[in-house]
N, C-alpha and C. Protein backbone atom coordinates (compact mmCIF):
# COMPACT_ATOMS: atom_id res chain seq x y z
N GLY A 1 81.78 126.08 66.07
CA GLY A 1 81.42 125.24 64.96
C GLY A 1 82.58 124.39 64.51
N PRO A 2 82.43 123.76 63.38
CA PRO A 2 83.46 122.85 62.87
C PRO A 2 84.66 123.58 62.26
N GLN A 3 84.56 124.88 61.99
CA GLN A 3 85.66 125.61 61.38
C GLN A 3 86.55 126.23 62.44
N ASP A 4 87.84 126.35 62.11
CA ASP A 4 88.79 127.01 63.01
C ASP A 4 88.47 128.50 63.10
N LEU A 5 88.76 129.08 64.24
CA LEU A 5 88.58 130.51 64.44
C LEU A 5 89.96 131.15 64.43
N LEU A 6 90.17 132.06 63.52
CA LEU A 6 91.44 132.76 63.45
C LEU A 6 91.36 134.03 64.30
N VAL A 7 92.26 134.16 65.24
CA VAL A 7 92.30 135.33 66.12
C VAL A 7 93.42 136.23 65.63
N GLN A 8 93.06 137.45 65.33
CA GLN A 8 94.03 138.42 64.82
C GLN A 8 94.46 139.36 65.95
N ASP A 9 95.63 139.95 65.79
CA ASP A 9 96.13 140.93 66.74
C ASP A 9 95.10 142.05 66.87
N GLY A 10 94.70 142.38 68.09
CA GLY A 10 93.71 143.42 68.33
C GLY A 10 92.29 142.90 68.49
N ASP A 11 92.05 141.62 68.15
CA ASP A 11 90.71 141.04 68.36
C ASP A 11 90.40 141.00 69.84
N ARG A 12 89.16 141.15 70.17
CA ARG A 12 88.74 141.10 71.58
C ARG A 12 88.09 139.76 71.85
N ILE A 13 88.52 139.12 72.93
CA ILE A 13 87.98 137.82 73.33
C ILE A 13 87.56 137.95 74.79
N ALA A 14 86.40 137.44 75.13
CA ALA A 14 85.91 137.51 76.51
C ALA A 14 85.56 136.11 76.99
N GLN A 15 85.67 135.91 78.30
CA GLN A 15 85.29 134.65 78.91
C GLN A 15 84.61 134.97 80.24
N LEU A 16 83.51 134.30 80.50
CA LEU A 16 82.78 134.47 81.76
C LEU A 16 82.78 133.14 82.48
N VAL A 17 83.24 133.15 83.72
CA VAL A 17 83.25 131.94 84.53
C VAL A 17 82.33 132.18 85.72
N ILE A 18 81.31 131.34 85.86
CA ILE A 18 80.38 131.44 86.98
C ILE A 18 80.67 130.29 87.92
N ILE A 19 81.00 130.62 89.18
CA ILE A 19 81.33 129.58 90.15
C ILE A 19 80.53 129.83 91.43
N PRO A 20 80.20 128.75 92.15
CA PRO A 20 79.50 128.94 93.42
C PRO A 20 80.46 129.51 94.48
N ILE A 21 79.92 130.30 95.38
CA ILE A 21 80.70 130.87 96.47
C ILE A 21 80.09 130.40 97.78
N TYR A 22 80.92 129.84 98.66
CA TYR A 22 80.45 129.38 99.97
C TYR A 22 79.99 130.57 100.79
N GLN A 23 78.76 130.53 101.29
CA GLN A 23 78.21 131.64 102.06
C GLN A 23 77.77 131.21 103.46
N GLY A 24 78.27 130.09 103.94
CA GLY A 24 77.92 129.62 105.28
C GLY A 24 78.68 130.38 106.35
N GLN A 25 78.39 130.06 107.60
CA GLN A 25 79.08 130.70 108.72
C GLN A 25 80.50 130.17 108.84
N VAL A 26 81.42 131.04 109.21
CA VAL A 26 82.81 130.66 109.45
C VAL A 26 83.17 131.10 110.85
N HIS A 27 83.73 130.18 111.63
CA HIS A 27 84.17 130.48 112.99
C HIS A 27 85.66 130.23 113.10
N LYS A 28 86.35 131.09 113.83
CA LYS A 28 87.77 130.88 114.06
C LYS A 28 87.98 129.60 114.84
N GLY A 29 89.05 128.90 114.52
CA GLY A 29 89.37 127.66 115.22
C GLY A 29 90.88 127.55 115.39
N THR A 30 91.33 126.35 115.63
CA THR A 30 92.76 126.11 115.76
C THR A 30 93.32 125.73 114.40
N ALA A 31 94.61 125.87 114.24
CA ALA A 31 95.25 125.55 112.97
C ALA A 31 95.07 124.07 112.64
N PRO A 32 94.76 123.75 111.39
CA PRO A 32 94.61 122.34 111.01
C PRO A 32 95.95 121.62 111.04
N ILE A 33 95.89 120.33 111.29
CA ILE A 33 97.11 119.51 111.31
C ILE A 33 97.64 119.36 109.88
N LEU A 34 96.74 119.13 108.92
CA LEU A 34 97.13 118.99 107.52
C LEU A 34 97.05 120.34 106.82
N GLN A 35 97.97 120.60 105.92
CA GLN A 35 97.94 121.83 105.15
C GLN A 35 96.91 121.77 104.03
N THR A 36 96.67 120.56 103.47
CA THR A 36 95.70 120.40 102.39
C THR A 36 94.80 119.21 102.68
N VAL A 37 93.63 119.24 102.09
CA VAL A 37 92.68 118.13 102.22
C VAL A 37 92.31 117.71 100.81
N ARG A 38 92.56 116.45 100.45
CA ARG A 38 92.24 115.97 99.11
C ARG A 38 91.42 114.69 99.22
N GLY A 39 90.46 114.57 98.35
CA GLY A 39 89.66 113.36 98.27
C GLY A 39 90.32 112.35 97.36
N ASP A 40 89.71 111.18 97.22
CA ASP A 40 90.27 110.12 96.39
C ASP A 40 89.57 110.00 95.05
N LYS A 41 88.74 110.98 94.68
CA LYS A 41 87.98 110.89 93.44
C LYS A 41 88.46 111.88 92.38
N GLY A 42 89.64 112.44 92.52
CA GLY A 42 90.16 113.35 91.52
C GLY A 42 89.74 114.79 91.77
N CYS A 43 89.59 115.52 90.70
CA CYS A 43 89.28 116.95 90.77
C CYS A 43 87.99 117.21 91.53
N VAL A 44 87.96 118.23 92.33
CA VAL A 44 86.84 118.69 93.15
C VAL A 44 86.25 117.61 94.06
N SER A 45 87.08 116.73 94.59
CA SER A 45 86.56 115.71 95.51
C SER A 45 87.13 115.91 96.90
N THR A 46 87.12 117.13 97.38
CA THR A 46 87.74 117.43 98.67
C THR A 46 86.96 116.87 99.85
N ASN A 47 85.70 116.50 99.64
CA ASN A 47 84.88 115.91 100.70
C ASN A 47 84.87 116.78 101.96
N LEU A 48 84.69 118.08 101.81
CA LEU A 48 84.65 118.96 102.97
C LEU A 48 83.36 118.72 103.74
N ASN A 49 83.48 118.34 104.96
CA ASN A 49 82.35 118.02 105.82
C ASN A 49 82.35 118.95 107.02
N PRO A 50 81.20 119.10 107.69
CA PRO A 50 81.19 119.88 108.92
C PRO A 50 82.28 119.40 109.87
N GLY A 51 83.02 120.33 110.43
CA GLY A 51 84.11 120.01 111.32
C GLY A 51 85.46 119.96 110.63
N ALA A 52 85.47 120.00 109.29
CA ALA A 52 86.74 119.98 108.56
C ALA A 52 87.52 121.25 108.86
N LYS A 53 88.82 121.12 108.92
CA LYS A 53 89.70 122.27 109.20
C LYS A 53 90.06 122.94 107.88
N VAL A 54 89.89 124.24 107.81
CA VAL A 54 90.21 125.01 106.61
C VAL A 54 90.92 126.30 107.00
N TRP A 55 91.51 126.97 106.02
CA TRP A 55 92.08 128.29 106.22
C TRP A 55 91.17 129.29 105.55
N VAL A 56 90.89 130.40 106.22
CA VAL A 56 90.02 131.45 105.68
C VAL A 56 90.82 132.75 105.65
N ARG A 57 90.75 133.42 104.50
CA ARG A 57 91.46 134.70 104.39
C ARG A 57 90.45 135.79 104.08
N THR A 58 90.44 136.84 104.90
CA THR A 58 89.58 137.99 104.64
C THR A 58 90.28 138.88 103.61
N GLU A 59 89.57 139.89 103.13
CA GLU A 59 90.13 140.76 102.09
C GLU A 59 91.44 141.42 102.52
N LYS A 60 91.52 141.83 103.78
CA LYS A 60 92.68 142.61 104.20
C LYS A 60 93.54 141.91 105.24
N GLY A 61 93.21 140.69 105.61
CA GLY A 61 93.94 140.04 106.67
C GLY A 61 94.68 138.80 106.22
N PRO A 62 95.51 138.26 107.11
CA PRO A 62 96.23 137.03 106.78
C PRO A 62 95.30 135.82 106.89
N PRO A 63 95.67 134.67 106.32
CA PRO A 63 94.86 133.46 106.47
C PRO A 63 94.75 133.07 107.94
N GLU A 64 93.56 132.62 108.35
CA GLU A 64 93.34 132.18 109.72
C GLU A 64 92.67 130.82 109.71
N PRO A 65 92.96 129.97 110.69
CA PRO A 65 92.31 128.65 110.74
C PRO A 65 90.83 128.78 111.08
N ALA A 66 90.02 127.86 110.55
CA ALA A 66 88.58 127.86 110.81
C ALA A 66 88.05 126.44 110.65
N ASP A 67 86.80 126.23 111.08
CA ASP A 67 86.11 124.95 110.94
C ASP A 67 84.89 125.14 110.06
N ILE A 68 84.60 124.16 109.21
CA ILE A 68 83.35 124.18 108.45
C ILE A 68 82.26 123.66 109.36
N ILE A 69 81.16 124.43 109.50
CA ILE A 69 80.09 123.99 110.38
C ILE A 69 78.87 123.51 109.61
N ALA A 70 78.80 123.76 108.29
CA ALA A 70 77.69 123.27 107.46
C ALA A 70 78.15 123.22 106.02
N THR A 71 77.59 122.29 105.24
CA THR A 71 77.92 122.23 103.81
C THR A 71 76.66 122.30 103.00
């Protein structure tokens, strides 16, 4: 609302962030030439297309190169 919220020591504050998770197929590939891929439209404009080179990290393993096969 229009009034300030005063947060006191011991107050509990929660935040929920819902984000999409990519669930397509991932195949191992060769290491990408570029370390990062950035679009020209600012935030979240990576323009990841099928065939784009990415790094994929499993829960227990090191990052590995991969290709995007569908978006």
